[in-house]
C-alpha atoms as a PDB file:
ATOM      1  CA  MET A   1    -151.065   1.490  53.916  1.00  0.00           C
ATOM      2  CA  GLU A   2    -151.732  -2.213  53.225  1.00  0.00           C
ATOM      3  CA  HIS A   3    -155.468  -1.606  53.736  1.00  0.00           C
ATOM      4  CA  GLU A   4    -155.608   1.250  51.227  1.00  0.00           C
ATOM      5  CA  PRO A   5    -157.636  -0.092  48.249  1.00  0.00           C
ATOM      6  CA  ARG A   6    -155.356   1.647  45.741  1.00  0.00           C
ATOM      7  CA  TYR A   7    -152.233   0.028  47.184  1.00  0.00           C
ATOM      8  CA  SER A   8    -150.667  -3.203  45.969  1.00  0.00           C
ATOM      9  CA  PHE A   9    -147.204  -4.615  46.547  1.00  0.00           C
ATOM     10  CA  VAL A  10    -145.333  -6.545  43.871  1.00  0.00           C
ATOM     11  CA  HIS A  11    -142.145  -8.318  44.938  1.00  0.00           C
ATOM     12  CA  GLY A  12    -139.954  -8.253  41.871  1.00  0.00           C
ATOM     13  CA  ASP A  13    -136.900  -6.970  40.020  1.00  0.00           C
ATOM     14  CA  ILE A  14    -137.128  -3.841  37.846  1.00  0.00           C
ATOM     15  CA  CYS A  15    -134.837  -5.608  35.363  1.00  0.00           C
ATOM     16  CA  ASP A  16    -137.503  -8.302  34.899  1.00  0.00           C
ATOM     17  CA  GLU A  17    -139.643  -7.120  31.985  1.00  0.00           C
ATOM     18  CA  GLN A  18    -142.556  -9.436  32.810  1.00  0.00           C
ATOM     19  CA  VAL A  19    -142.748  -8.244  36.411  1.00  0.00           C
ATOM     20  CA  VAL A  20    -142.590  -4.600  35.339  1.00  0.00           C
ATOM     21  CA  GLU A  21    -145.177  -5.176  32.617  1.00  0.00           C
ATOM     22  CA  SER A  22    -147.760  -6.518  35.047  1.00  0.00           C
ATOM     23  CA  ALA A  23    -146.973  -3.908  37.700  1.00  0.00           C
ATOM     24  CA  VAL A  24    -147.282  -0.751  35.591  1.00  0.00           C
ATOM     25  CA  ALA A  25    -150.230  -1.555  33.348  1.00  0.00           C
ATOM     26  CA  GLY A  26    -152.835   1.171  33.799  1.00  0.00           C
ATOM     27  CA  ALA A  27    -150.551   3.392  35.918  1.00  0.00           C
ATOM     28  CA  ASP A  28    -150.890   7.179  35.849  1.00  0.00           C
ATOM     29  CA  ALA A  29    -147.193   7.624  36.646  1.00  0.00           C
ATOM     30  CA  ILE A  30    -143.974   5.799  37.457  1.00  0.00           C
ATOM     31  CA  VAL A  31    -141.587   7.135  40.089  1.00  0.00           C
ATOM     32  CA  ASN A  32    -138.288   5.260  39.934  1.00  0.00           C
ATOM     33  CA  PHE A  33    -136.868   5.059  43.450  1.00  0.00           C
ATOM     34  CA  ALA A  34    -135.393   1.634  42.714  1.00  0.00           C
ATOM     35  CA  ALA A  35    -131.581   1.616  42.764  1.00  0.00           C
ATOM     36  CA  GLU A  36    -128.481   0.172  44.324  1.00  0.00           C
ATOM     37  CA  THR A  37    -127.383   3.189  46.329  1.00  0.00           C
ATOM     38  CA  HIS A  38    -124.472   2.608  48.720  1.00  0.00           C
ATOM     39  CA  VAL A  39    -121.211   4.026  47.370  1.00  0.00           C
ATOM     40  CA  ASP A  40    -119.008   1.629  49.350  1.00  0.00           C
ATOM     41  CA  ARG A  41    -120.802  -1.395  47.938  1.00  0.00           C
ATOM     42  CA  SER A  42    -120.458   0.018  44.415  1.00  0.00           C
ATOM     43  CA  ILE A  43    -116.687   0.096  44.853  1.00  0.00           C
ATOM     44  CA  SER A  44    -116.503  -3.539  45.931  1.00  0.00           C
ATOM     45  CA  GLY A  45    -119.161  -4.762  43.462  1.00  0.00           C
ATOM     46  CA  PRO A  46    -119.965  -2.358  40.587  1.00  0.00           C
ATOM     47  CA  GLN A  47    -121.860  -4.835  38.409  1.00  0.00           C
ATOM     48  CA  ASP A  48    -125.040  -4.845  40.519  1.00  0.00           C
ATOM     49  CA  PHE A  49    -125.192  -1.066  40.282  1.00  0.00           C
ATOM     50  CA  ILE A  50    -124.876  -0.984  36.507  1.00  0.00           C
ATOM     51  CA  ARG A  51    -127.528  -3.671  36.172  1.00  0.00           C
ATOM     52  CA  THR A  52    -130.153  -2.187  38.493  1.00  0.00           C
ATOM     53  CA  ASP A  53    -129.533   1.512  37.988  1.00  0.00           C
ATOM     54  CA  VAL A  54    -129.023   1.534  34.221  1.00  0.00           C
ATOM     55  CA  LEU A  55    -130.659  -1.621  32.832  1.00  0.00           C
ATOM     56  CA  GLY A  56    -133.538  -1.330  35.303  1.00  0.00           C
ATOM     57  CA  THR A  57    -134.175   2.251  34.199  1.00  0.00           C
ATOM     58  CA  HIS A  58    -134.172   1.086  30.564  1.00  0.00           C
ATOM     59  CA  VAL A  59    -136.811  -1.553  31.331  1.00  0.00           C
ATOM     60  CA  LEU A  60    -139.034   1.044  32.994  1.00  0.00           C
ATOM     61  CA  LEU A  61    -138.664   3.513  30.129  1.00  0.00           C
ATOM     62  CA  GLU A  62    -139.645   0.838  27.644  1.00  0.00           C
ATOM     63  CA  ALA A  63    -142.725   0.138  29.742  1.00  0.00           C
ATOM     64  CA  VAL A  64    -143.601   3.845  29.640  1.00  0.00           C
ATOM     65  CA  ARG A  65    -143.384   3.682  25.839  1.00  0.00           C
ATOM     66  CA  ARG A  66    -145.535   0.583  25.505  1.00  0.00           C
ATOM     67  CA  HIS A  67    -148.253   1.698  27.873  1.00  0.00           C
ATOM     68  CA  GLY A  68    -148.259   5.405  27.095  1.00  0.00           C
ATOM     69  CA  ILE A  69    -147.845   6.232  30.777  1.00  0.00           C
ATOM     70  CA  PRO A  70    -148.303  10.002  31.102  1.00  0.00           C
ATOM     71  CA  ARG A  71    -145.608  10.761  33.691  1.00  0.00           C
ATOM     72  CA  TYR A  72    -142.219   9.285  34.618  1.00  0.00           C
ATOM     73  CA  LEU A  73    -140.014  10.634  37.422  1.00  0.00           C
ATOM     74  CA  GLN A  74    -136.412   9.490  37.720  1.00  0.00           C
ATOM     75  CA  VAL A  75    -135.139   9.880  41.290  1.00  0.00           C
ATOM     76  CA  SER A  76    -131.429  10.648  40.970  1.00  0.00           C
ATOM     77  CA  THR A  77    -128.705  12.075  43.202  1.00  0.00           C
ATOM     78  CA  ASP A  78    -126.521  15.155  43.594  1.00  0.00           C
ATOM     79  CA  GLU A  79    -123.526  12.815  43.391  1.00  0.00           C
ATOM     80  CA  VAL A  80    -123.774  12.765  39.588  1.00  0.00           C
ATOM     81  CA  TYR A  81    -122.209  16.242  39.549  1.00  0.00           C
ATOM     82  CA  GLY A  82    -119.136  15.180  41.495  1.00  0.00           C
ATOM     83  CA  SER A  83    -117.380  17.391  44.035  1.00  0.00           C
ATOM     84  CA  VAL A  84    -117.494  21.189  44.193  1.00  0.00           C
ATOM     85  CA  VAL A  85    -115.074  23.338  46.217  1.00  0.00           C
ATOM     86  CA  GLU A  86    -117.113  26.541  46.136  1.00  0.00           C
ATOM     87  CA  GLY A  87    -120.626  27.487  45.118  1.00  0.00           C
ATOM     88  CA  SER A  88    -123.400  25.077  44.168  1.00  0.00           C
ATOM     89  CA  PHE A  89    -124.268  23.010  41.126  1.00  0.00           C
ATOM     90  CA  ILE A  90    -127.202  23.972  38.923  1.00  0.00           C
ATOM     91  CA  GLU A  91    -129.143  21.539  36.771  1.00  0.00           C
ATOM     92  CA  THR A  92    -127.320  22.406  33.545  1.00  0.00           C
ATOM     93  CA  ASP A  93    -123.828  21.805  34.929  1.00  0.00           C
ATOM     94  CA  PRO A  94    -121.853  18.919  33.391  1.00  0.00           C
ATOM     95  CA  LEU A  95    -121.830  15.589  35.180  1.00  0.00           C
ATOM     96  CA  CYS A  96    -118.608  14.270  36.712  1.00  0.00           C
ATOM     97  CA  PRO A  97    -119.391  11.152  38.781  1.00  0.00           C
ATOM     98  CA  SER A  98    -116.614   9.761  40.977  1.00  0.00           C
ATOM     99  CA  SER A  99    -117.859   6.291  41.938  1.00  0.00           C
ATOM    100  CA  PRO A 100    -119.507   3.358  40.169  1.00  0.00           C
ATOM    101  CA  TYR A 101    -122.688   4.288  42.047  1.00  0.00           C
ATOM    102  CA  SER A 102    -122.796   7.899  40.884  1.00  0.00           C
ATOM    103  CA  ALA A 103    -121.709   6.842  37.380  1.00  0.00           C
ATOM    104  CA  SER A 104    -124.600   4.378  37.193  1.00  0.00           C
ATOM    105  CA  LYS A 105    -127.030   7.101  38.262  1.00  0.00           C
ATOM    106  CA  ALA A 106    -125.541   9.548  35.757  1.00  0.00           C
ATOM    107  CA  GLY A 107    -125.908   6.908  33.056  1.00  0.00           C
ATOM    108  CA  ALA A 108    -129.550   6.430  33.985  1.00  0.00           C
ATOM    109  CA  ASP A 109    -130.136  10.195  33.868  1.00  0.00           C
ATOM    110  CA  MET A 110    -128.655  10.356  30.365  1.00  0.00           C
ATOM    111  CA  LEU A 111    -130.828   7.448  29.263  1.00  0.00           C
ATOM    112  CA  VAL A 112    -133.956   9.160  30.586  1.00  0.00           C
ATOM    113  CA  LEU A 113    -133.123  12.388  28.755  1.00  0.00           C
ATOM    114  CA  ALA A 114    -132.312  10.462  25.571  1.00  0.00           C
ATOM    115  CA  TYR A 115    -135.723   8.774  25.679  1.00  0.00           C
ATOM    116  CA  ARG A 116    -137.229  12.233  25.999  1.00  0.00           C
ATOM    117  CA  THR A 117    -135.362  13.468  22.923  1.00  0.00           C
ATOM    118  CA  THR A 118    -135.790  10.349  20.817  1.00  0.00           C
ATOM    119  CA  PHE A 119    -139.252   9.156  21.782  1.00  0.00           C
ATOM    120  CA  GLY A 120    -140.831  12.222  23.368  1.00  0.00           C
ATOM    121  CA  LEU A 121    -141.422  10.486  26.695  1.00  0.00           C
ATOM    122  CA  PRO A 122    -142.948  12.608  29.516  1.00  0.00           C
ATOM    123  CA  VAL A 123    -139.964  12.360  31.847  1.00  0.00           C
ATOM    124  CA  LEU A 124    -138.625  14.402  34.767  1.00  0.00           C
ATOM    125  CA  ILE A 125    -135.506  14.022  36.925  1.00  0.00           C
ATOM    126  CA  THR A 126    -134.820  15.022  40.515  1.00  0.00           C
ATOM    127  CA  ARG A 127    -131.314  15.118  42.000  1.00  0.00           C
ATOM    128  CA  SER A 128    -131.459  14.996  45.775  1.00  0.00           C
ATOM    129  CA  SER A 129    -128.826  15.597  48.428  1.00  0.00           C
ATOM    130  CA  ASN A 130    -128.204  13.153  51.290  1.00  0.00           C
ATOM    131  CA  ASN A 131    -131.400  11.946  52.953  1.00  0.00           C
ATOM    132  CA  TYR A 132    -131.790  11.107  56.634  1.00  0.00           C
ATOM    133  CA  GLY A 133    -134.660   9.974  58.839  1.00  0.00           C
ATOM    134  CA  PRO A 134    -136.306   6.808  60.196  1.00  0.00           C
ATOM    135  CA  TYR A 135    -136.114   3.383  58.533  1.00  0.00           C
ATOM    136  CA  GLN A 136    -132.860   4.129  56.698  1.00  0.00           C
ATOM    137  CA  TYR A 137    -130.759   1.019  56.124  1.00  0.00           C
ATOM    138  CA  PRO A 138    -127.925   0.958  58.686  1.00  0.00           C
ATOM    139  CA  GLU A 139    -125.061   0.836  56.205  1.00  0.00           C
ATOM    140  CA  LYS A 140    -125.672   4.577  55.607  1.00  0.00           C
ATOM    141  CA  MET A 141    -123.669   6.992  57.739  1.00  0.00           C
ATOM    142  CA  ILE A 142    -126.302   8.386  60.110  1.00  0.00           C
ATOM    143  CA  PRO A 143    -128.101   5.133  61.027  1.00  0.00           C
ATOM    144  CA  LEU A 144    -124.774   3.270  61.154  1.00  0.00           C
ATOM    145  CA  PHE A 145    -123.254   5.787  63.555  1.00  0.00           C
ATOM    146  CA  ILE A 146    -126.364   6.010  65.741  1.00  0.00           C
ATOM    147  CA  THR A 147    -126.777   2.250  66.064  1.00  0.00           C
ATOM    148  CA  ASN A 148    -123.067   1.645  66.581  1.00  0.00           C
ATOM    149  CA  ALA A 149    -123.014   4.305  69.294  1.00  0.00           C
ATOM    150  CA  LEU A 150    -126.052   2.752  70.993  1.00  0.00           C
ATOM    151  CA  ASP A 151    -124.145  -0.554  71.095  1.00  0.00           C
ATOM    152  CA  GLY A 152    -120.909   1.063  72.275  1.00  0.00           C
ATOM    153  CA  GLN A 153    -119.196   0.214  68.986  1.00  0.00           C
ATOM    154  CA  PRO A 154    -116.719   2.418  67.069  1.00  0.00           C
ATOM    155  CA  LEU A 155    -117.920   5.038  64.607  1.00  0.00           C
ATOM    156  CA  PRO A 156    -115.725   4.697  61.476  1.00  0.00           C
ATOM    157  CA  VAL A 157    -114.972   8.160  60.050  1.00  0.00           C
ATOM    158  CA  TYR A 158    -113.327   8.224  56.625  1.00  0.00           C
ATOM    159  CA  GLY A 159    -110.082  10.186  56.256  1.00  0.00           C
ATOM    160  CA  ASP A 160    -110.013  13.319  58.394  1.00  0.00           C
ATOM    161  CA  GLY A 161    -113.804  13.677  58.491  1.00  0.00           C
ATOM    162  CA  ARG A 162    -113.797  17.001  56.640  1.00  0.00           C
ATOM    163  CA  ASN A 163    -115.962  15.866  53.731  1.00  0.00           C
ATOM    164  CA  VAL A 164    -119.131  17.949  53.488  1.00  0.00           C
ATOM    165  CA  ARG A 165    -122.645  16.699  52.735  1.00  0.00           C
ATOM    166  CA  ASP A 166    -125.930  18.570  52.437  1.00  0.00           C
ATOM    167  CA  TRP A 167    -128.562  16.782  54.529  1.00  0.00           C
ATOM    168  CA  ILE A 168    -132.307  16.800  53.849  1.00  0.00           C
ATOM    169  CA  HIS A 169    -134.992  15.070  55.903  1.00  0.00           C
ATOM    170  CA  VAL A 170    -136.733  12.290  54.001  1.00  0.00           C
ATOM    171  CA  GLN A 171    -140.138  13.951  54.446  1.00  0.00           C
ATOM    172  CA  ASP A 172    -138.895  17.145  52.793  1.00  0.00           C
ATOM    173  CA  ASN A 173    -137.354  15.150  49.966  1.00  0.00           C
ATOM    174  CA  CYS A 174    -140.576  13.220  49.347  1.00  0.00           C
ATOM    175  CA  ALA A 175    -142.590  16.449  49.369  1.00  0.00           C
ATOM    176  CA  ALA A 176    -140.259  17.786  46.677  1.00  0.00           C
ATOM    177  CA  LEU A 177    -140.628  14.656  44.559  1.00  0.00           C
ATOM    178  CA  ASP A 178    -144.406  14.794  44.818  1.00  0.00           C
ATOM    179  CA  LEU A 179    -144.408  18.439  43.747  1.00  0.00           C
ATOM    180  CA  VAL A 180    -142.138  17.802  40.770  1.00  0.00           C
ATOM    181  CA  LEU A 181    -144.213  14.802  39.714  1.00  0.00           C
ATOM    182  CA  ARG A 182    -147.398  16.886  39.718  1.00  0.00           C
ATOM    183  CA  GLN A 183    -146.187  20.317  38.655  1.00  0.00           C
ATOM    184  CA  GLY A 184    -142.720  19.991  37.120  1.00  0.00           C
ATOM    185  CA  ASP A 185    -142.170  20.699  33.435  1.00  0.00           C
ATOM    186  CA  GLU A 186    -141.615  17.621  31.277  1.00  0.00           C
ATOM    187  CA  GLY A 187    -138.031  17.034  30.235  1.00  0.00           C
ATOM    188  CA  GLN A 188    -136.676  19.111  33.128  1.00  0.00           C
ATOM    189  CA  ILE A 189    -134.268  18.377  35.982  1.00  0.00           C
ATOM    190  CA  TYR A 190    -134.788  19.689  39.534  1.00  0.00           C
ATOM    191  CA  ASN A 191    -132.159  19.792  42.271  1.00  0.00           C
ATOM    192  CA  VAL A 192    -133.421  18.958  45.773  1.00  0.00           C
ATOM    193  CA  GLY A 193    -131.244  20.061  48.693  1.00  0.00           C
ATOM    194  CA  GLY A 194    -131.797  20.732  52.365  1.00  0.00           C
ATOM    195  CA  GLY A 195    -129.380  23.650  52.632  1.00  0.00           C
ATOM    196  CA  ASN A 196    -127.679  21.941  55.585  1.00  0.00           C
ATOM    197  CA  GLU A 197    -124.015  21.478  54.699  1.00  0.00           C
ATOM    198  CA  ILE A 198    -122.243  19.657  57.512  1.00  0.00           C
ATOM    199  CA  GLU A 199    -118.758  18.150  57.780  1.00  0.00           C
ATOM    200  CA  ASN A 200    -118.856  14.427  58.512  1.00  0.00           C
ATOM    201  CA  LEU A 201    -116.831  14.877  61.699  1.00  0.00           C
ATOM    202  CA  THR A 202    -119.189  17.598  62.944  1.00  0.00           C
ATOM    203  CA  LEU A 203    -122.155  15.329  62.277  1.00  0.00           C
ATOM    204  CA  THR A 204    -120.425  12.526  64.169  1.00  0.00           C
ATOM    205  CA  HIS A 205    -120.003  14.805  67.198  1.00  0.00           C
ATOM    206  CA  THR A 206    -123.675  15.817  66.952  1.00  0.00           C
ATOM    207  CA  ILE A 207    -124.810  12.193  67.077  1.00  0.00           C
ATOM    208  CA  LEU A 208    -122.602  11.385  70.066  1.00  0.00           C
ATOM    209  CA  GLN A 209    -123.760  14.487  71.932  1.00  0.00           C
ATOM    210  CA  ALA A 210    -127.411  13.612  71.303  1.00  0.00           C
ATOM    211  CA  LEU A 211    -126.787  10.230  72.910  1.00  0.00           C
ATOM    212  CA  GLY A 212    -124.744  11.668  75.771  1.00  0.00           C
ATOM    213  CA  LEU A 213    -121.619   9.795  74.658  1.00  0.00           C
ATOM    214  CA  GLY A 214    -117.985  10.846  74.347  1.00  0.00           C
ATOM    215  CA  GLU A 215    -115.648  11.187  71.386  1.00  0.00           C
ATOM    216  CA  ASP A 216    -113.709   8.068  72.399  1.00  0.00           C
ATOM    217  CA  LEU A 217    -115.982   6.049  70.075  1.00  0.00           C
ATOM    218  CA  ILE A 218    -114.673   7.879  66.991  1.00  0.00           C
ATOM    219  CA  ARG A 219    -112.272   5.832  64.838  1.00  0.00           C
ATOM    220  CA  PHE A 220    -110.613   7.398  61.803  1.00  0.00           C
ATOM    221  CA  VAL A 221    -110.240   4.837  59.011  1.00  0.00           C
ATOM    222  CA  ALA A 222    -108.583   4.878  55.580  1.00  0.00           C
ATOM    223  CA  ASP A 223    -110.405   7.207  53.231  1.00  0.00           C
ATOM    224  CA  ARG A 224    -112.801   5.883  50.601  1.00  0.00           C
ATOM    225  CA  PRO A 225    -111.299   5.742  47.069  1.00  0.00           C
ATOM    226  CA  GLY A 226    -112.461   8.716  44.997  1.00  0.00           C
ATOM    227  CA  HIS A 227    -114.164  10.288  48.013  1.00  0.00           C
ATOM    228  CA  ASP A 228    -115.826  13.561  46.932  1.00  0.00           C
ATOM    229  CA  LEU A 229    -114.980  16.460  49.242  1.00  0.00           C
ATOM    230  CA  ARG A 230    -118.186  18.493  49.033  1.00  0.00           C
ATOM    231  CA  TYR A 231    -121.662  18.294  47.531  1.00  0.00           C
ATOM    232  CA  SER A 232    -123.863  21.340  47.109  1.00  0.00           C
ATOM    233  CA  VAL A 233    -126.823  21.992  44.820  1.00  0.00           C
ATOM    234  CA  ASP A 234    -128.732  25.147  43.958  1.00  0.00           C
ATOM    235  CA  CYS A 235    -132.472  24.528  44.399  1.00  0.00           C
ATOM    236  CA  SER A 236    -133.791  27.796  42.984  1.00  0.00           C
ATOM    237  CA  LYS A 237    -135.623  25.993  40.180  1.00  0.00           C
ATOM    238  CA  LEU A 238    -137.487  23.771  42.643  1.00  0.00           C
ATOM    239  CA  ARG A 239    -138.225  26.645  45.012  1.00  0.00           C
ATOM    240  CA  ALA A 240    -139.844  28.488  42.097  1.00  0.00           C
ATOM    241  CA  LEU A 241    -142.502  25.746  42.156  1.00  0.00           C
ATOM    242  CA  GLY A 242    -143.281  26.676  45.764  1.00  0.00           C
ATOM    243  CA  TRP A 243    -141.192  24.108  47.657  1.00  0.00           C
ATOM    244  CA  GLN A 244    -139.051  24.715  50.694  1.00  0.00           C
ATOM    245  CA  PRO A 245    -137.838  22.307  53.395  1.00  0.00           C
ATOM    246  CA  GLN A 246    -139.989  22.164  56.526  1.00  0.00           C
ATOM    247  CA  VAL A 247    -137.876  20.094  58.944  1.00  0.00           C
ATOM    248  CA  PRO A 248    -135.053  22.073  60.664  1.00  0.00           C
ATOM    249  CA  VAL A 249    -131.908  19.978  60.669  1.00  0.00           C
ATOM    250  CA  GLY A 250    -131.458  20.148  64.463  1.00  0.00           C
ATOM    251  CA  GLU A 251    -135.007  18.976  65.072  1.00  0.00           C
ATOM    252  CA  GLY A 252    -134.800  16.321  62.363  1.00  0.00           C
ATOM    253  CA  MET A 253    -131.506  14.893  63.599  1.00  0.00           C
ATOM    254  CA  ALA A 254    -132.746  14.726  67.185  1.00  0.00           C
ATOM    255  CA  ALA A 255    -135.918  12.926  66.075  1.00  0.00           C
ATOM    256  CA  THR A 256    -133.864  10.515  63.969  1.00  0.00           C
ATOM    257  CA  VAL A 257    -131.560   9.646  66.856  1.00  0.00           C
ATOM    258  CA  ALA A 258    -134.610   9.086  69.060  1.00  0.00           C
ATOM    259  CA  TRP A 259    -136.247   6.844  66.469  1.00  0.00           C
ATOM    260  CA  TYR A 260    -133.273   4.472  66.264  1.00  0.00           C
ATOM    261  CA  ARG A 261    -132.917   4.519  70.043  1.00  0.00           C
ATOM    262  CA  ASP A 262    -136.579   3.516  70.413  1.00  0.00           C
ATOM    263  CA  ASN A 263    -136.713   0.959  67.589  1.00  0.00           C
ATOM    264  CA  ARG A 264    -133.933  -1.461  68.344  1.00  0.00           C
ATOM    265  CA  PRO A 265    -135.821  -4.562  67.114  1.00  0.00           C
ATOM    266  CA  TRP A 266    -136.017  -3.081  63.611  1.00  0.00           C
ATOM    267  CA  TRP A 267    -132.295  -2.483  63.125  1.00  0.00           C
ATOM    268  CA  GLU A 268    -130.878  -5.248  65.326  1.00  0.00           C
ATOM    269  CA  LYS A 269    -132.468  -7.787  63.004  1.00  0.00           C
ATOM    270  CA  ILE A 270    -130.792  -6.149  60.003  1.00  0.00           C
ATOM    271  CA  LYS A 271    -127.337  -5.812  61.564  1.00  0.00           C
ATOM    272  CA  SER A 272    -126.590  -9.514  61.467  1.00  0.00           C
ATOM    273  CA  GLY A 273    -125.913 -12.169  58.856  1.00  0.00           C
ATOM    274  CA  GLU A 274    -124.946 -10.728  55.465  1.00  0.00           C
ATOM    275  CA  TRP A 275    -124.846  -7.188  56.813  1.00  0.00           C
ATOM    276  CA  ARG A 276    -122.409  -8.154  59.550  1.00  0.00           C
ATOM    277  CA  ARG A 277    -120.127  -9.942  57.082  1.00  0.00           C
ATOM    278  CA  TYR A 278    -120.135  -6.898  54.806  1.00  0.00           C
ATOM    279  CA  TYR A 279    -119.414  -4.529  57.704  1.00  0.00           C
ATOM    280  CA  GLU A 280    -116.457  -6.517  58.977  1.00  0.00           C
ATOM    281  CA  VAL A 281    -114.875  -6.598  55.521  1.00  0.00           C
ATOM    282  CA  GLN A 282    -115.616  -2.946  54.793  1.00  0.00           C
ATOM    283  CA  TYR A 283    -114.208  -1.712  58.100  1.00  0.00           C
ATOM    284  CA  ARG A 284    -111.613  -4.388  58.739  1.00  0.00           C
ATOM    285  CA  GLU A 285    -109.354  -1.750  60.333  1.00  0.00           C
ATOM    286  CA  LEU A 286    -111.707  -1.652  63.311  1.00  0.00           C
ATOM    287  CA  HIS A 287    -110.975  -5.292  64.008  1.00  0.00           C
ATOM    288  CA  GLU A 288    -107.199  -5.109  63.752  1.00  0.00           C
ATOM    289  CA  PRO A 289    -105.220  -5.237  67.019  1.00  0.00           C
ATOM    290  CA  ASP A 290    -103.638  -1.794  66.574  1.00  0.00           C
ATOM    291  CA  SER A 291    -106.842   0.003  65.576  1.00  0.00           C
ATOM    292  CA  GLU A 292    -107.765   1.197  69.052  1.00  0.00           C
ATOM    293  CA  ALA A 293    -106.055   4.556  68.643  1.00  0.00           C
ATOM    294  CA  ALA A 294    -107.075   6.990  65.922  1.00  0.00           C
ATOM    295  CA  PRO A 295    -104.228   7.946  63.582  1.00  0.00           C
ATOM    296  CA  ASP A 296    -102.601  11.342  63.915  1.00  0.00           C
ATOM    297  CA  ARG A 297    -104.349  13.546  61.344  1.00  0.00           C
END
């Protein structure tokens, strides 16, 4: 990618107007992937999420106005809808975020739509379910559990592990974003889901089985505050554009486990220093003397 003549990398902050100004001049489109994303970190430090996710989006939208950029895609999340017991959310359902992270993303979505109404900006929004695949930062559930298991470390499962997430392979998600960017209707929102709803505990067992390891590594820990029970989105609107996921979840999960198994140098470097300090605070129960046995649940 670095040798592609159309590619350039700018190391900067989307809240820095000067950096954004120089980066987007002459662009055909802006796709805003930039965000603080980890729910647990948003609970312990909400301010960074409000700054990056809301203020950063504002800076980008102002740049779209100044430069007359013809397309802006806001990459959002299914978490803005909150939890659903039955059925699936559609794009017109009200938002009910449960964490500072999802609230910051909901705020950004509202800002994007307001700029559409007020200034007529050519905006679109996607709301994706949980992504998985290679190169995912190891604070996220799947890479954390795989890498912990590879090191013989506990896998911290929140509550009773019955929370449900819909998993989509990163390649399928990116294909959806590309399609919406090129063919989506301006001012519209598109849900992006893999159609793979899995309980967290079931996913934990799948990871351990793929590595040939036993359930003795599972540790139940205190549940996350405001932990949504189930996410589910209806993707009919996106499918009408011709999209459908291509990576079967069994195949994708197996490939993901294999990638982390075969790329230790990448994640071992990350899981040290600041990351290690964060992990030990976040999952302090794992380091307490009486934490060896899972609670009776």
